[in-house]
Structure formats: C-alpha cells, structure tokens
C-alpha atoms as a PDB file:
ATOM      1  CA  UNK A   1     -60.953-196.061-158.721  1.00  0.00           C
ATOM      2  CA  UNK A   2     -62.740-196.923-155.495  1.00  0.00           C
ATOM      3  CA  UNK A   3     -60.867-195.772-152.381  1.00  0.00           C
ATOM      4  CA  UNK A   4     -59.983-198.268-149.654  1.00  0.00           C
ATOM      5  CA  UNK A   5     -60.175-196.838-146.134  1.00  0.00           C
ATOM      6  CA  UNK A   6     -57.406-197.361-143.571  1.00  0.00           C
ATOM      7  CA  UNK A   7     -58.329-196.477-139.978  1.00  0.00           C
ATOM      8  CA  UNK A   8     -55.286-195.644-137.859  1.00  0.00           C
ATOM      9  CA  UNK A   9     -55.249-194.821-134.156  1.00  0.00           C
ATOM     10  CA  UNK A  10     -53.750-191.513-133.029  1.00  0.00           C
ATOM     11  CA  UNK A  11     -52.715-190.202-129.597  1.00  0.00           C
ATOM     12  CA  UNK A  12     -55.047-187.224-130.049  1.00  0.00           C
ATOM     13  CA  UNK A  13     -58.532-186.594-128.695  1.00  0.00           C
ATOM     14  CA  UNK A  14     -59.969-186.656-132.236  1.00  0.00           C
ATOM     15  CA  UNK A  15     -59.409-190.422-132.266  1.00  0.00           C
ATOM     16  CA  UNK A  16     -58.652-192.378-135.403  1.00  0.00           C
ATOM     17  CA  UNK A  17     -57.507-190.758-138.617  1.00  0.00           C
ATOM     18  CA  UNK A  18     -58.762-192.132-141.927  1.00  0.00           C
ATOM     19  CA  UNK A  19     -56.378-192.584-144.834  1.00  0.00           C
ATOM     20  CA  UNK A  20     -57.383-193.812-148.290  1.00  0.00           C
ATOM     21  CA  UNK A  21     -55.610-195.842-150.950  1.00  0.00           C
ATOM     22  CA  UNK A  22     -56.398-196.033-154.653  1.00  0.00           C
ATOM     23  CA  UNK A  23     -55.143-198.643-157.118  1.00  0.00           C
ATOM     24  CA  UNK A  24     -54.111-196.746-160.246  1.00  0.00           C
ATOM     25  CA  UNK A  25     -52.384-197.860-163.431  1.00  0.00           C
ATOM     26  CA  UNK A  26     -49.164-196.473-161.928  1.00  0.00           C
ATOM     27  CA  UNK A  27     -49.472-198.400-158.667  1.00  0.00           C
ATOM     28  CA  UNK A  28     -50.967-197.497-155.287  1.00  0.00           C
ATOM     29  CA  UNK A  29     -51.829-193.919-154.345  1.00  0.00           C
ATOM     30  CA  UNK A  30     -52.214-193.141-150.646  1.00  0.00           C
ATOM     31  CA  UNK A  31     -54.112-190.042-149.528  1.00  0.00           C
ATOM     32  CA  UNK A  32     -52.949-189.038-146.044  1.00  0.00           C
ATOM     33  CA  UNK A  33     -50.906-191.540-144.095  1.00  0.00           C
ATOM     34  CA  UNK A  34     -51.348-191.158-140.337  1.00  0.00           C
ATOM     35  CA  UNK A  35     -49.281-190.265-137.316  1.00  0.00           C
ATOM     36  CA  UNK A  36     -45.801-191.826-136.774  1.00  0.00           C
ATOM     37  CA  UNK A  37     -46.603-194.378-134.067  1.00  0.00           C
ATOM     38  CA  UNK A  38     -45.196-197.899-133.805  1.00  0.00           C
ATOM     39  CA  UNK A  39     -48.731-199.251-134.173  1.00  0.00           C
ATOM     40  CA  UNK A  40     -49.298-197.378-137.441  1.00  0.00           C
ATOM     41  CA  UNK A  41     -45.943-198.553-138.797  1.00  0.00           C
ATOM     42  CA  UNK A  42     -46.855-202.157-137.975  1.00  0.00           C
ATOM     43  CA  UNK A  43     -50.142-201.713-139.812  1.00  0.00           C
ATOM     44  CA  UNK A  44     -48.405-200.644-143.012  1.00  0.00           C
ATOM     45  CA  UNK A  45     -45.755-203.376-142.767  1.00  0.00           C
ATOM     46  CA  UNK A  46     -48.338-206.122-142.192  1.00  0.00           C
ATOM     47  CA  UNK A  47     -51.439-204.948-144.082  1.00  0.00           C
ATOM     48  CA  UNK A  48     -50.243-202.785-146.955  1.00  0.00           C
ATOM     49  CA  UNK A  49     -48.250-203.620-150.093  1.00  0.00           C
ATOM     50  CA  UNK A  50     -45.484-201.027-149.771  1.00  0.00           C
ATOM     51  CA  UNK A  51     -43.738-202.407-152.867  1.00  0.00           C
ATOM     52  CA  UNK A  52     -46.614-201.018-154.976  1.00  0.00           C
ATOM     53  CA  UNK A  53     -46.882-197.628-153.271  1.00  0.00           C
ATOM     54  CA  UNK A  54     -46.032-194.888-155.798  1.00  0.00           C
ATOM     55  CA  UNK A  55     -47.616-191.652-154.585  1.00  0.00           C
ATOM     56  CA  UNK A  56     -48.510-190.177-151.171  1.00  0.00           C
ATOM     57  CA  UNK A  57     -50.845-187.180-151.337  1.00  0.00           C
ATOM     58  CA  UNK A  58     -51.539-185.011-148.295  1.00  0.00           C
ATOM     59  CA  UNK A  59     -54.764-183.097-147.671  1.00  0.00           C
ATOM     60  CA  UNK A  60     -53.047-180.719-145.193  1.00  0.00           C
ATOM     61  CA  UNK A  61     -49.879-180.894-143.140  1.00  0.00           C
ATOM     62  CA  UNK A  62     -51.202-181.704-139.678  1.00  0.00           C
ATOM     63  CA  UNK A  63     -49.322-184.517-138.038  1.00  0.00           C
ATOM     64  CA  UNK A  64     -52.180-187.019-138.008  1.00  0.00           C
ATOM     65  CA  UNK A  65     -52.464-186.646-141.778  1.00  0.00           C
ATOM     66  CA  UNK A  66     -48.831-186.559-142.926  1.00  0.00           C
ATOM     67  CA  UNK A  67     -46.677-187.766-140.024  1.00  0.00           C
ATOM     68  CA  UNK A  68     -45.673-191.107-141.568  1.00  0.00           C
ATOM     69  CA  UNK A  69     -44.833-189.703-145.013  1.00  0.00           C
ATOM     70  CA  UNK A  70     -41.030-189.763-144.639  1.00  0.00           C
ATOM     71  CA  UNK A  71     -41.069-193.238-143.066  1.00  0.00           C
ATOM     72  CA  UNK A  72     -43.262-194.627-145.835  1.00  0.00           C
ATOM     73  CA  UNK A  73     -41.173-193.007-148.544  1.00  0.00           C
ATOM     74  CA  UNK A  74     -37.987-194.526-147.119  1.00  0.00           C
ATOM     75  CA  UNK A  75     -39.525-198.007-147.325  1.00  0.00           C
ATOM     76  CA  UNK A  76     -41.312-197.722-150.644  1.00  0.00           C
ATOM     77  CA  UNK A  77     -39.625-195.032-152.731  1.00  0.00           C
ATOM     78  CA  UNK A  78     -43.013-193.348-153.151  1.00  0.00           C
ATOM     79  CA  UNK A  79     -43.199-189.685-154.076  1.00  0.00           C
ATOM     80  CA  UNK A  80     -44.694-187.406-151.416  1.00  0.00           C
ATOM     81  CA  UNK A  81     -46.813-184.378-152.361  1.00  0.00           C
ATOM     82  CA  UNK A  82     -47.810-181.491-150.066  1.00  0.00           C
ATOM     83  CA  UNK A  83     -50.250-178.685-150.904  1.00  0.00           C
ATOM     84  CA  UNK A  84     -48.294-175.643-152.087  1.00  0.00           C
ATOM     85  CA  UNK A  85     -48.673-173.571-148.921  1.00  0.00           C
ATOM     86  CA  UNK A  86     -47.729-176.512-146.722  1.00  0.00           C
ATOM     87  CA  UNK A  87     -44.672-177.073-148.878  1.00  0.00           C
ATOM     88  CA  UNK A  88     -43.612-173.513-148.077  1.00  0.00           C
ATOM     89  CA  UNK A  89     -44.242-174.098-144.349  1.00  0.00           C
ATOM     90  CA  UNK A  90     -42.071-177.216-144.449  1.00  0.00           C
ATOM     91  CA  UNK A  91     -39.248-175.676-146.440  1.00  0.00           C
ATOM     92  CA  UNK A  92     -39.143-172.464-144.393  1.00  0.00           C
ATOM     93  CA  UNK A  93     -40.071-173.985-141.049  1.00  0.00           C
ATOM     94  CA  UNK A  94     -37.730-171.805-138.963  1.00  0.00           C
ATOM     95  CA  UNK A  95     -39.054-168.619-140.560  1.00  0.00           C
ATOM     96  CA  UNK A  96     -42.631-169.849-140.128  1.00  0.00           C
ATOM     97  CA  UNK A  97     -42.095-170.368-136.387  1.00  0.00           C
ATOM     98  CA  UNK A  98     -40.417-166.974-136.000  1.00  0.00           C
ATOM     99  CA  UNK A  99     -43.288-165.201-137.728  1.00  0.00           C
ATOM    100  CA  UNK A 100     -45.798-167.183-135.685  1.00  0.00           C
ATOM    101  CA  UNK A 101     -44.101-165.817-132.566  1.00  0.00           C
ATOM    102  CA  UNK A 102     -44.520-162.274-133.875  1.00  0.00           C
ATOM    103  CA  UNK A 103     -48.226-162.908-134.481  1.00  0.00           C
ATOM    104  CA  UNK A 104     -48.694-164.379-130.999  1.00  0.00           C
ATOM    105  CA  UNK A 105     -46.978-161.358-129.454  1.00  0.00           C
ATOM    106  CA  UNK A 106     -49.376-159.072-131.322  1.00  0.00           C
ATOM    107  CA  UNK A 107     -52.246-161.075-129.821  1.00  0.00           C
ATOM    108  CA  UNK A 108     -51.073-160.309-126.293  1.00  0.00           C
ATOM    109  CA  UNK A 109     -49.056-163.443-125.540  1.00  0.00           C
ATOM    110  CA  UNK A 110     -45.631-162.943-123.979  1.00  0.00           C
ATOM    111  CA  UNK A 111     -42.399-164.678-124.841  1.00  0.00           C
ATOM    112  CA  UNK A 112     -42.734-167.128-121.950  1.00  0.00           C
ATOM    113  CA  UNK A 113     -45.997-168.482-123.338  1.00  0.00           C
ATOM    114  CA  UNK A 114     -44.572-168.676-126.864  1.00  0.00           C
ATOM    115  CA  UNK A 115     -41.514-170.602-125.699  1.00  0.00           C
ATOM    116  CA  UNK A 116     -43.807-173.114-123.985  1.00  0.00           C
ATOM    117  CA  UNK A 117     -45.848-173.415-127.172  1.00  0.00           C
ATOM    118  CA  UNK A 118     -42.692-173.821-129.252  1.00  0.00           C
ATOM    119  CA  UNK A 119     -41.498-176.652-127.033  1.00  0.00           C
ATOM    120  CA  UNK A 120     -44.781-178.457-127.744  1.00  0.00           C
ATOM    121  CA  UNK A 121     -45.328-177.891-131.457  1.00  0.00           C
ATOM    122  CA  UNK A 122     -41.764-178.887-132.336  1.00  0.00           C
ATOM    123  CA  UNK A 123     -42.129-182.292-130.656  1.00  0.00           C
ATOM    124  CA  UNK A 124     -42.413-185.261-133.018  1.00  0.00           C
ATOM    125  CA  UNK A 125     -45.838-185.924-131.481  1.00  0.00           C
ATOM    126  CA  UNK A 126     -47.063-182.702-133.106  1.00  0.00           C
ATOM    127  CA  UNK A 127     -44.792-182.316-136.141  1.00  0.00           C
ATOM    128  CA  UNK A 128     -42.828-185.061-137.871  1.00  0.00           C
ATOM    129  CA  UNK A 129     -40.110-184.063-140.298  1.00  0.00           C
ATOM    130  CA  UNK A 130     -41.350-184.307-143.902  1.00  0.00           C
ATOM    131  CA  UNK A 131     -39.211-185.910-146.625  1.00  0.00           C
ATOM    132  CA  UNK A 132     -36.378-183.851-148.065  1.00  0.00           C
ATOM    133  CA  UNK A 133     -37.473-184.408-151.677  1.00  0.00           C
ATOM    134  CA  UNK A 134     -40.970-183.063-151.150  1.00  0.00           C
ATOM    135  CA  UNK A 135     -43.149-182.321-154.168  1.00  0.00           C
ATOM    136  CA  UNK A 136     -46.108-179.941-154.629  1.00  0.00           C
ATOM    137  CA  UNK A 137     -49.554-181.358-155.439  1.00  0.00           C
ATOM    138  CA  UNK A 138     -50.674-178.425-157.573  1.00  0.00           C
ATOM    139  CA  UNK A 139     -47.464-178.435-159.628  1.00  0.00           C
ATOM    140  CA  UNK A 140     -46.095-181.967-159.702  1.00  0.00           C
ATOM    141  CA  UNK A 141     -48.814-184.595-159.405  1.00  0.00           C
ATOM    142  CA  UNK A 142     -49.422-186.477-162.699  1.00  0.00           C
ATOM    143  CA  UNK A 143     -52.664-185.470-164.391  1.00  0.00           C
ATOM    144  CA  UNK A 144     -53.339-188.880-165.987  1.00  0.00           C
ATOM    145  CA  UNK A 145     -54.009-191.015-162.914  1.00  0.00           C
ATOM    146  CA  UNK A 146     -57.774-190.483-162.623  1.00  0.00           C
ATOM    147  CA  UNK A 147     -57.571-188.172-159.623  1.00  0.00           C
ATOM    148  CA  UNK A 148     -58.375-184.485-159.331  1.00  0.00           C
ATOM    149  CA  UNK A 149     -58.310-181.996-156.443  1.00  0.00           C
ATOM    150  CA  UNK A 150     -59.808-178.694-155.363  1.00  0.00           C
ATOM    151  CA  UNK A 151     -58.514-176.235-152.755  1.00  0.00           C
ATOM    152  CA  UNK A 152     -60.958-175.677-149.869  1.00  0.00           C
ATOM    153  CA  UNK A 153     -58.945-173.853-147.174  1.00  0.00           C
ATOM    154  CA  UNK A 154     -60.475-172.748-143.883  1.00  0.00           C
ATOM    155  CA  UNK A 155     -59.503-175.329-141.293  1.00  0.00           C
ATOM    156  CA  UNK A 156     -55.928-174.715-142.462  1.00  0.00           C
ATOM    157  CA  UNK A 157     -54.486-172.575-145.220  1.00  0.00           C
ATOM    158  CA  UNK A 158     -53.876-175.600-147.442  1.00  0.00           C
ATOM    159  CA  UNK A 159     -56.873-177.968-147.271  1.00  0.00           C
ATOM    160  CA  UNK A 160     -57.190-179.983-150.467  1.00  0.00           C
ATOM    161  CA  UNK A 161     -60.131-182.211-151.368  1.00  0.00           C
ATOM    162  CA  UNK A 162     -59.302-185.118-153.681  1.00  0.00           C
ATOM    163  CA  UNK A 163     -61.877-186.297-156.224  1.00  0.00           C
ATOM    164  CA  UNK A 164     -62.088-189.723-157.843  1.00  0.00           C
ATOM    165  CA  UNK A 165     -65.190-191.098-159.513  1.00  0.00           C
ATOM    166  CA  UNK A 166     -68.160-190.244-157.289  1.00  0.00           C
ATOM    167  CA  UNK A 167     -66.004-189.904-154.143  1.00  0.00           C
ATOM    168  CA  UNK A 168     -64.567-186.855-152.415  1.00  0.00           C
ATOM    169  CA  UNK A 169     -61.750-187.407-149.903  1.00  0.00           C
ATOM    170  CA  UNK A 170     -62.162-184.328-147.753  1.00  0.00           C
ATOM    171  CA  UNK A 171     -59.591-184.457-144.924  1.00  0.00           C
ATOM    172  CA  UNK A 172     -60.807-182.136-142.159  1.00  0.00           C
ATOM    173  CA  UNK A 173     -62.996-179.869-144.310  1.00  0.00           C
ATOM    174  CA  UNK A 174     -66.270-181.807-143.826  1.00  0.00           C
ATOM    175  CA  UNK A 175     -66.677-183.713-140.565  1.00  0.00           C
ATOM    176  CA  UNK A 176     -69.849-185.177-139.099  1.00  0.00           C
ATOM    177  CA  UNK A 177     -70.806-183.518-135.812  1.00  0.00           C
ATOM    178  CA  UNK A 178     -67.375-181.983-135.196  1.00  0.00           C
ATOM    179  CA  UNK A 179     -66.409-178.317-135.079  1.00  0.00           C
ATOM    180  CA  UNK A 180     -63.065-178.481-136.866  1.00  0.00           C
ATOM    181  CA  UNK A 181     -61.253-175.581-135.222  1.00  0.00           C
ATOM    182  CA  UNK A 182     -59.433-173.251-137.629  1.00  0.00           C
ATOM    183  CA  UNK A 183     -55.699-173.319-136.984  1.00  0.00           C
ATOM    184  CA  UNK A 184     -53.585-170.191-136.484  1.00  0.00           C
ATOM    185  CA  UNK A 185     -50.972-170.028-139.239  1.00  0.00           C
ATOM    186  CA  UNK A 186     -48.572-167.685-140.956  1.00  0.00           C
ATOM    187  CA  UNK A 187     -49.543-166.869-144.536  1.00  0.00           C
ATOM    188  CA  UNK A 188     -46.350-167.997-146.247  1.00  0.00           C
ATOM    189  CA  UNK A 189     -47.376-166.495-149.588  1.00  0.00           C
ATOM    190  CA  UNK A 190     -48.530-163.039-148.551  1.00  0.00           C
ATOM    191  CA  UNK A 191     -47.077-162.566-145.060  1.00  0.00           C
ATOM    192  CA  UNK A 192     -48.874-161.929-141.781  1.00  0.00           C
ATOM    193  CA  UNK A 193     -51.637-164.062-140.306  1.00  0.00           C
ATOM    194  CA  UNK A 194     -53.564-166.342-142.639  1.00  0.00           C
ATOM    195  CA  UNK A 195     -57.235-165.313-142.640  1.00  0.00           C
ATOM    196  CA  UNK A 196     -59.080-168.604-142.055  1.00  0.00           C
ATOM    197  CA  UNK A 197     -62.459-166.856-142.019  1.00  0.00           C
ATOM    198  CA  UNK A 198     -62.045-165.289-145.438  1.00  0.00           C
ATOM    199  CA  UNK A 199     -60.774-168.585-146.845  1.00  0.00           C
ATOM    200  CA  UNK A 200     -63.632-170.544-145.296  1.00  0.00           C
ATOM    201  CA  UNK A 201     -66.232-168.213-146.819  1.00  0.00           C
ATOM    202  CA  UNK A 202     -64.612-168.664-150.233  1.00  0.00           C
ATOM    203  CA  UNK A 203     -64.584-172.454-149.812  1.00  0.00           C
ATOM    204  CA  UNK A 204     -68.250-172.827-148.837  1.00  0.00           C
ATOM    205  CA  UNK A 205     -69.468-172.926-152.424  1.00  0.00           C
ATOM    206  CA  UNK A 206     -66.855-175.461-153.509  1.00  0.00           C
ATOM    207  CA  UNK A 207     -67.738-177.722-150.588  1.00  0.00           C
ATOM    208  CA  UNK A 208     -71.470-177.361-151.280  1.00  0.00           C
ATOM    209  CA  UNK A 209     -70.819-178.469-154.868  1.00  0.00           C
ATOM    210  CA  UNK A 210     -69.678-181.854-153.519  1.00  0.00           C
ATOM    211  CA  UNK A 211     -73.314-182.735-152.722  1.00  0.00           C
ATOM    212  CA  UNK A 212     -74.198-186.040-154.341  1.00  0.00           C
ATOM    213  CA  UNK A 213     -70.710-187.444-153.965  1.00  0.00           C
ATOM    214  CA  UNK A 214     -69.696-190.021-151.393  1.00  0.00           C
ATOM    215  CA  UNK A 215     -67.885-187.974-148.738  1.00  0.00           C
ATOM    216  CA  UNK A 216     -64.834-189.690-147.222  1.00  0.00           C
ATOM    217  CA  UNK A 217     -63.636-187.626-144.242  1.00  0.00           C
ATOM    218  CA  UNK A 218     -60.453-187.673-142.188  1.00  0.00           C
ATOM    219  CA  UNK A 219     -62.160-188.619-138.915  1.00  0.00           C
ATOM    220  CA  UNK A 220     -65.213-190.090-137.213  1.00  0.00           C
ATOM    221  CA  UNK A 221     -68.489-190.917-138.982  1.00  0.00           C
ATOM    222  CA  UNK A 222     -69.144-190.528-142.681  1.00  0.00           C
ATOM    223  CA  UNK A 223     -71.177-187.309-143.176  1.00  0.00           C
ATOM    224  CA  UNK A 224     -74.814-187.991-143.965  1.00  0.00           C
ATOM    225  CA  UNK A 225     -74.859-185.011-146.314  1.00  0.00           C
ATOM    226  CA  UNK A 226     -72.706-182.040-147.234  1.00  0.00           C
ATOM    227  CA  UNK A 227     -75.519-179.679-146.283  1.00  0.00           C
ATOM    228  CA  UNK A 228     -75.885-181.190-142.818  1.00  0.00           C
ATOM    229  CA  UNK A 229     -72.140-181.077-142.146  1.00  0.00           C
ATOM    230  CA  UNK A 230     -71.939-177.437-143.244  1.00  0.00           C
ATOM    231  CA  UNK A 231     -74.955-176.399-141.192  1.00  0.00           C
ATOM    232  CA  UNK A 232     -73.569-178.076-138.071  1.00  0.00           C
ATOM    233  CA  UNK A 233     -70.327-176.104-138.375  1.00  0.00           C
ATOM    234  CA  UNK A 234     -72.022-172.784-139.146  1.00  0.00           C
ATOM    235  CA  UNK A 235     -74.543-173.074-136.326  1.00  0.00           C
ATOM    236  CA  UNK A 236     -71.834-173.999-133.822  1.00  0.00           C
ATOM    237  CA  UNK A 237     -69.682-171.090-134.985  1.00  0.00           C
ATOM    238  CA  UNK A 238     -72.529-168.573-134.740  1.00  0.00           C
ATOM    239  CA  UNK A 239     -73.464-169.679-131.228  1.00  0.00           C
ATOM    240  CA  UNK A 240     -69.869-169.356-130.099  1.00  0.00           C
ATOM    241  CA  UNK A 241     -69.555-166.000-131.852  1.00  0.00           C
ATOM    242  CA  UNK A 242     -72.573-164.743-129.915  1.00  0.00           C
ATOM    243  CA  UNK A 243     -70.781-165.520-126.658  1.00  0.00           C
ATOM    244  CA  UNK A 244     -67.687-163.693-127.904  1.00  0.00           C
ATOM    245  CA  UNK A 245     -69.584-160.546-128.941  1.00  0.00           C
ATOM    246  CA  UNK A 246     -68.683-158.491-125.799  1.00  0.00           C
ATOM    247  CA  UNK A 247     -64.989-158.981-126.717  1.00  0.00           C
ATOM    248  CA  UNK A 248     -65.323-158.669-130.484  1.00  0.00           C
ATOM    249  CA  UNK A 249     -63.040-155.610-130.607  1.00  0.00           C
ATOM    250  CA  UNK A 250     -60.564-156.738-127.934  1.00  0.00           C
ATOM    251  CA  UNK A 251     -57.117-157.101-129.518  1.00  0.00           C
ATOM    252  CA  UNK A 252     -55.570-158.989-126.607  1.00  0.00           C
ATOM    253  CA  UNK A 253     -56.671-162.582-127.214  1.00  0.00           C
ATOM    254  CA  UNK A 254     -54.939-163.710-124.047  1.00  0.00           C
ATOM    255  CA  UNK A 255     -57.185-161.388-122.020  1.00  0.00           C
ATOM    256  CA  UNK A 256     -60.293-162.701-123.760  1.00  0.00           C
ATOM    257  CA  UNK A 257     -59.434-166.290-122.873  1.00  0.00           C
ATOM    258  CA  UNK A 258     -58.703-165.319-119.268  1.00  0.00           C
ATOM    259  CA  UNK A 259     -62.072-163.554-118.966  1.00  0.00           C
ATOM    260  CA  UNK A 260     -64.220-166.019-120.924  1.00  0.00           C
ATOM    261  CA  UNK A 261     -62.760-169.164-119.368  1.00  0.00           C
ATOM    262  CA  UNK A 262     -61.902-168.128-115.821  1.00  0.00           C
ATOM    263  CA  UNK A 263     -59.741-170.887-114.378  1.00  0.00           C
ATOM    264  CA  UNK A 264     -60.870-173.278-117.104  1.00  0.00           C
ATOM    265  CA  UNK A 265     -58.292-173.031-119.881  1.00  0.00           C
ATOM    266  CA  UNK A 266     -54.617-172.998-119.003  1.00  0.00           C
ATOM    267  CA  UNK A 267     -53.049-175.814-121.055  1.00  0.00           C
ATOM    268  CA  UNK A 268     -50.675-174.203-123.556  1.00  0.00           C
ATOM    269  CA  UNK A 269     -51.756-176.026-126.707  1.00  0.00           C
ATOM    270  CA  UNK A 270     -55.478-175.720-125.934  1.00  0.00           C
ATOM    271  CA  UNK A 271     -55.008-171.951-125.535  1.00  0.00           C
ATOM    272  CA  UNK A 272     -53.292-171.870-128.935  1.00  0.00           C
ATOM    273  CA  UNK A 273     -56.208-173.664-130.598  1.00  0.00           C
ATOM    274  CA  UNK A 274     -58.811-171.497-128.883  1.00  0.00           C
ATOM    275  CA  UNK A 275     -56.930-168.350-129.948  1.00  0.00           C
ATOM    276  CA  UNK A 276     -57.348-169.273-133.610  1.00  0.00           C
ATOM    277  CA  UNK A 277     -61.057-169.890-133.109  1.00  0.00           C
ATOM    278  CA  UNK A 278     -61.521-166.486-131.438  1.00  0.00           C
ATOM    279  CA  UNK A 279     -59.660-164.721-134.248  1.00  0.00           C
ATOM    280  CA  UNK A 280     -61.896-166.478-136.788  1.00  0.00           C
ATOM    281  CA  UNK A 281     -64.961-165.101-135.001  1.00  0.00           C
ATOM    282  CA  UNK A 282     -63.514-161.614-134.632  1.00  0.00           C
ATOM    283  CA  UNK A 283     -62.948-161.643-138.398  1.00  0.00           C
ATOM    284  CA  UNK A 284     -66.612-162.616-138.749  1.00  0.00           C
ATOM    285  CA  UNK A 285     -67.663-159.585-136.679  1.00  0.00           C
ATOM    286  CA  UNK A 286     -65.528-157.315-138.842  1.00  0.00           C
ATOM    287  CA  UNK A 287     -67.096-158.590-142.057  1.00  0.00           C
ATOM    288  CA  UNK A 288     -70.297-160.581-141.422  1.00  0.00           C
ATOM    289  CA  UNK A 289     -71.616-159.816-144.899  1.00  0.00           C
ATOM    290  CA  UNK A 290     -68.879-162.021-146.391  1.00  0.00           C
ATOM    291  CA  UNK A 291     -70.334-165.074-144.659  1.00  0.00           C
ATOM    292  CA  UNK A 292     -73.970-164.126-145.249  1.00  0.00           C
ATOM    293  CA  UNK A 293     -73.308-163.695-148.976  1.00  0.00           C
ATOM    294  CA  UNK A 294     -71.531-167.056-149.200  1.00  0.00           C
ATOM    295  CA  UNK A 295     -74.358-168.777-147.346  1.00  0.00           C
ATOM    296  CA  UNK A 296     -77.019-167.123-149.495  1.00  0.00           C
ATOM    297  CA  UNK A 297     -75.208-168.256-152.644  1.00  0.00           C
ATOM    298  CA  UNK A 298     -75.521-171.922-151.608  1.00  0.00           C
ATOM    299  CA  UNK A 299     -79.025-171.661-150.168  1.00  0.00           C
ATOM    300  CA  UNK A 300     -78.106-171.968-146.482  1.00  0.00           C
ATOM    301  CA  UNK A 301     -78.612-168.452-145.156  1.00  0.00           C
ATOM    302  CA  UNK A 302     -82.313-168.838-144.362  1.00  0.00           C
ATOM    303  CA  UNK A 303     -81.510-171.910-142.245  1.00  0.00           C
ATOM    304  CA  UNK A 304     -79.276-169.857-139.947  1.00  0.00           C
ATOM    305  CA  UNK A 305     -80.686-166.340-140.328  1.00  0.00           C
ATOM    306  CA  UNK A 306     -81.992-166.137-136.760  1.00  0.00           C
ATOM    307  CA  UNK A 307     -78.724-167.408-135.276  1.00  0.00           C
ATOM    308  CA  UNK A 308     -76.843-165.010-137.533  1.00  0.00           C
ATOM    309  CA  UNK A 309     -78.788-162.022-136.225  1.00  0.00           C
ATOM    310  CA  UNK A 310     -78.468-163.199-132.618  1.00  0.00           C
ATOM    311  CA  UNK A 311     -74.704-163.533-132.964  1.00  0.00           C
ATOM    312  CA  UNK A 312     -74.553-159.928-134.176  1.00  0.00           C
ATOM    313  CA  UNK A 313     -76.927-158.725-131.447  1.00  0.00           C
ATOM    314  CA  UNK A 314     -79.664-157.763-133.877  1.00  0.00           C
ATOM    315  CA  UNK A 315     -82.407-159.828-132.188  1.00  0.00           C
ATOM    316  CA  UNK A 316     -82.866-161.184-128.675  1.00  0.00           C
ATOM    317  CA  UNK A 317     -82.426-164.930-128.043  1.00  0.00           C
ATOM    318  CA  UNK A 318     -85.572-167.030-128.409  1.00  0.00           C
ATOM    319  CA  UNK A 319     -85.908-167.331-124.607  1.00  0.00           C
ATOM    320  CA  UNK A 320     -86.487-163.566-124.426  1.00  0.00           C
ATOM    321  CA  UNK A 321     -89.587-163.763-126.620  1.00  0.00           C
ATOM    322  CA  UNK A 322     -93.055-164.637-125.455  1.00  0.00           C
ATOM    323  CA  UNK A 323     -95.104-167.424-126.947  1.00  0.00           C
ATOM    324  CA  UNK A 324     -96.534-165.214-129.678  1.00  0.00           C
ATOM    325  CA  UNK A 325     -93.052-164.194-130.815  1.00  0.00           C
ATOM    326  CA  UNK A 326     -93.356-160.612-129.589  1.00  0.00           C
ATOM    327  CA  UNK A 327     -90.319-159.217-127.805  1.00  0.00           C
ATOM    328  CA  UNK A 328     -90.773-158.881-124.050  1.00  0.00           C
END
C-alpha cells in the first residue's frame, strides 16, 4: 500500500500537518487527521471519499494530529484508534490535568500560572474531544491489513511509527530541521512525570533502524535521511543543554526560565513548552551515559562527541582553543 499525503493547514506556528491515507482491502485507512478547522472539514468533504473510510490511526494525541477524529467518525462510521497511553489520557482527562497541576507545582509554578495554562490547554484549539468509542492501536487494530507499528516515544509518551511496505509514517518523531520539543506529560501507567529523555534514548535505535525506508513525517520537508534528522536533533539538544548547565541542579524551573530568558518569555503556553525541554536536559545531566550509550549503539556518538563533552563542561568551546588545538 502506497500512502497518499494530505496537507492540511493548522493555526499553529509549525504550519501544515501531514496526514496519510492507505487503500486497504477493508477500505481506506487514515493515519492522523488534522486539526478541527472549517477549512480542514471542507477538504475532507470535497476531496476525500468518507464513505470508504474504515480506520483512523493516530500517531500521538496532539490536536494537529487527532483533532478531527470525532468529526470524521461521525460522518463515516470509521473506527478511531489511539496509542495506549493516549487512550488513558483521554479516558482519565480530569485526573491527568489534576496530576499535571501537581507536577507543575513541584516545578515552582504557582496556582495562578497553572489556572492560566489550564484555560489554554482545555480550549478546542488545543484539545478536541476524542470519540467516545475510542479503541487502542496496540490492542484493537486488525493485524491483517498490511500495516505494522512500532512505539518510539520521546516527543510524547505515545509516539507510534506506522510501517507499510518501504514507508515509515513517523508523526513528530523524525522531522527535517526542526527541534521537536518534548512535551510535559503525566505518566498514566506508572504515575508521576513521564521521562521523555529516558524514552527518547530507548527509541533512538528503533528510529535508526528505519534507515532505507521512505520517511513520511508529520510536518515540513521530507527528511533526507534518518541519520541526518537524528543528528540535527541531538546537536541542537546538546547546544541548548550546554547553555542550561549552570542551572542543571535547579529544581525551580520557573526560576530558570526567568533567569535564562530575562523579559523574553512570558506567554503561558510557551513557558509550558520550554519547561518540558529544560526538564529533558536536566534528565540528560543526571544520566548522560544513557544517551552516550544509545548513540554509540547506532554509530552516532563520534559525530557529536565534542558537543557532548562541551555540554557537560568537560572541554572548552572551540573558540577557546588556538589554531593548533591546544587549550589557551
């Protein structure tokens, strides 16, 4: 089955989201479905055969990837499948938000900030209601439709990559020239904060194994190679981690943002996203060997070894060396 790409506009800075349809023996399968805008609805009504839509699979439950699922189901009768952890988030949404508030408080954010955040992330623009009769990809999706999947969490706790023929539909796990910020989430299976860093390190090998496949991402340009996409992310993360190093043991994330971005970051949702990124890097400082081992296993460590050491403060930046390479 060769995927057909559907490019849908979003109101977000990331730009268009890419959704993919496959024509199976059971009818049409749609992987991700876009944000619930009038424009996107018109697209499906005018350019998509909803009468043949049977299955809607979601890579991860961010609004630009699943927001139209309930609307499409109501007009087609298609079954909607979420990754297991996202199913738990959807079914226990109130508990998820309460626990998220507890985590934010532990990070140094007061109730006033959390109430502002809550008023944003509960808007339909950021979270559409999923269908009531939601199914779970890992448990319920038919195994005989020529489609497989692998779990590659890191950006979120649920990221699934769908495999068909020589193609890999990767959602937000492999993006060309974009640092896909890890998202702060409650671990609905084990409690507490989901550790994006640990998950990302475990996913590196599975993503590297996609080399040779045609990578079909959720946004922007098609990645030129898996290796290049991974190296871009790792290098960007290490450079940012180096700037965070003076605050690597600071528990109050709110204080870090205030000191690192003096007068430059006040918008509530941007602060939320940056908080998750800083936690990811603090987890790196606590256990850098986890990342170095994962990179070594896929042959990428040597490409970033100098940046790795600089991030940890083991070597001075290149500008502090003379032309011969000797430290000044």
